[in-house]
Amino acid sequence: MKTRMYGAWALACALALTAAPSFAQTTPTGLALARQENCTSCHAVNRPLMGPSLQDVAARYASMPDAAKYLAHKITEGSSGVWGVVPMPANTQLTPDEANTLAKWILTLNR
């Protein structure tokens, strides 16, 4: 009797874990989020477009304390004069979590 109850419990747990999508499945990766939010209209990963390459951004801020927080702020609030004359518009449609995901992903691109 205990074996059947344990087996049923184990099966129920396994089904619950496979039925619920994981965080990784429901949250876009950094590159997917960058594409989804049109970051790649102005930025490429490894070469400048209208804005600097994301690798160059990562290299510039890699050693900065709280770099992810700083970049997340720049992503949502925008900036001007930091990388030249073309301003970066504010991306107010992003949630703080999305901006943080993008910032952390960008920092992984440091060569």
Protein backbone atom coordinates (compact mmCIF):
# COMPACT_ATOMS: atom_id res chain seq x y z
CA MET A 1 0.00 0.00 0.00
CA LYS A 2 2.80 2.46 0.89
CA THR A 3 4.56 1.63 -2.38
CA ARG A 4 1.46 2.54 -4.40
CA MET A 5 1.02 5.81 -2.49
CA TYR A 6 4.67 6.70 -3.01
CA GLY A 7 4.44 5.83 -6.69
CA ALA A 8 1.30 7.93 -7.13
CA TRP A 9 2.89 10.84 -5.27
CA ALA A 10 6.06 10.63 -7.38
CA LEU A 11 4.01 10.51 -10.59
CA ALA A 12 1.94 13.53 -9.50
CA CYS A 13 5.10 15.52 -8.73
CA ALA A 14 6.70 14.59 -12.03
CA LEU A 15 3.59 15.62 -13.96
CA ALA A 16 3.36 18.91 -12.09
CA LEU A 17 6.97 19.73 -12.85
CA THR A 18 6.68 18.92 -16.54
CA ALA A 19 3.30 20.59 -17.00
CA ALA A 20 4.36 23.97 -15.59
CA PRO A 21 6.63 25.99 -17.91
CA SER A 22 9.97 26.83 -16.38
CA PHE A 23 11.19 30.40 -15.92
CA ALA A 24 13.74 29.85 -18.70
CA GLN A 25 11.00 28.78 -21.11
CA THR A 26 8.80 31.80 -20.43
CA THR A 27 11.52 34.46 -20.23
CA PRO A 28 13.26 35.40 -23.48
CA THR A 29 17.03 35.13 -23.59
CA GLY A 30 19.01 38.34 -23.82
CA LEU A 31 19.35 38.21 -27.59
CA ALA A 32 15.71 37.23 -28.09
CA LEU A 33 14.60 40.07 -25.82
CA ALA A 34 16.90 42.53 -27.61
CA ARG A 35 15.35 41.52 -30.93
CA GLN A 36 11.82 41.59 -29.52
CA GLU A 37 12.29 45.11 -28.14
CA ASN A 38 14.00 46.40 -31.31
CA CYS A 39 17.39 47.02 -29.68
CA THR A 40 18.94 45.39 -32.72
CA SER A 41 17.60 48.19 -34.92
CA CYS A 42 20.43 50.36 -33.60
CA HIS A 43 22.85 47.87 -31.99
CA ALA A 44 24.56 44.75 -33.30
CA VAL A 45 26.36 42.32 -31.04
CA ASN A 46 29.78 42.64 -32.64
CA ARG A 47 29.83 45.76 -34.81
CA PRO A 48 28.62 49.35 -34.57
CA LEU A 49 25.40 50.33 -36.33
CA MET A 50 23.61 53.52 -35.38
CA GLY A 51 24.76 52.82 -31.83
CA PRO A 52 27.83 51.05 -30.46
CA SER A 53 28.17 47.29 -30.63
CA LEU A 54 26.88 45.53 -27.56
CA GLN A 55 30.34 44.00 -27.11
CA ASP A 56 31.82 47.51 -26.94
CA VAL A 57 29.20 48.49 -24.36
CA ALA A 58 30.08 45.41 -22.32
CA ALA A 59 33.80 46.17 -22.53
CA ARG A 60 33.34 49.78 -21.43
CA TYR A 61 31.29 48.94 -18.35
CA ALA A 62 32.61 45.48 -17.39
CA SER A 63 34.73 46.76 -14.50
CA MET A 64 32.19 49.30 -13.24
CA PRO A 65 30.63 48.46 -9.89
CA ASP A 66 26.87 47.98 -10.33
CA ALA A 67 27.30 47.94 -14.12
CA ALA A 68 24.06 45.98 -14.66
CA LYS A 69 22.08 48.50 -12.62
CA TYR A 70 23.71 51.40 -14.49
CA LEU A 71 23.00 49.87 -17.91
CA ALA A 72 19.43 48.94 -17.00
CA HIS A 73 18.86 52.58 -16.07
CA LYS A 74 20.39 53.79 -19.36
CA ILE A 75 18.26 51.30 -21.30
CA THR A 76 15.00 52.51 -19.77
CA GLU A 77 15.81 56.21 -19.42
CA GLY A 78 17.94 56.72 -22.55
CA SER A 79 21.01 58.92 -22.80
CA SER A 80 22.86 61.31 -25.06
CA GLY A 81 26.46 62.26 -25.66
CA VAL A 82 27.87 59.08 -24.14
CA TRP A 83 28.74 57.31 -27.41
CA GLY A 84 28.60 60.21 -29.84
CA VAL A 85 25.98 62.56 -31.19
CA VAL A 86 23.17 60.04 -31.75
CA PRO A 87 21.05 59.88 -28.59
CA MET A 88 19.68 56.63 -27.26
CA PRO A 89 15.93 56.93 -26.79
CA ALA A 90 14.26 55.87 -23.58
CA ASN A 91 12.75 52.39 -23.68
CA THR A 92 9.90 52.98 -21.27
CA GLN A 93 7.98 49.96 -22.56
CA LEU A 94 10.45 47.67 -20.78
CA THR A 95 9.77 46.43 -17.29
CA PRO A 96 12.58 46.81 -14.76
CA ASP A 97 13.12 43.02 -14.95
CA GLU A 98 13.43 43.13 -18.74
CA ALA A 99 15.90 46.02 -18.60
CA ASN A 100 17.91 44.14 -15.98
CA THR A 101 17.87 40.97 -18.13
CA LEU A 102 19.16 42.94 -21.10
CA ALA A 103 21.85 44.68 -19.06
CA LYS A 104 23.12 41.44 -17.53
CA TRP A 105 23.14 39.75 -20.94
CA ILE A 106 25.05 42.64 -22.52
CA LEU A 107 27.70 42.36 -19.82
CA THR A 108 28.24 38.69 -20.73
CA LEU A 109 29.39 39.82 -24.18
CA ASN A 110 32.62 41.34 -22.86
CA ARG A 111 35.39 39.86 -24.99
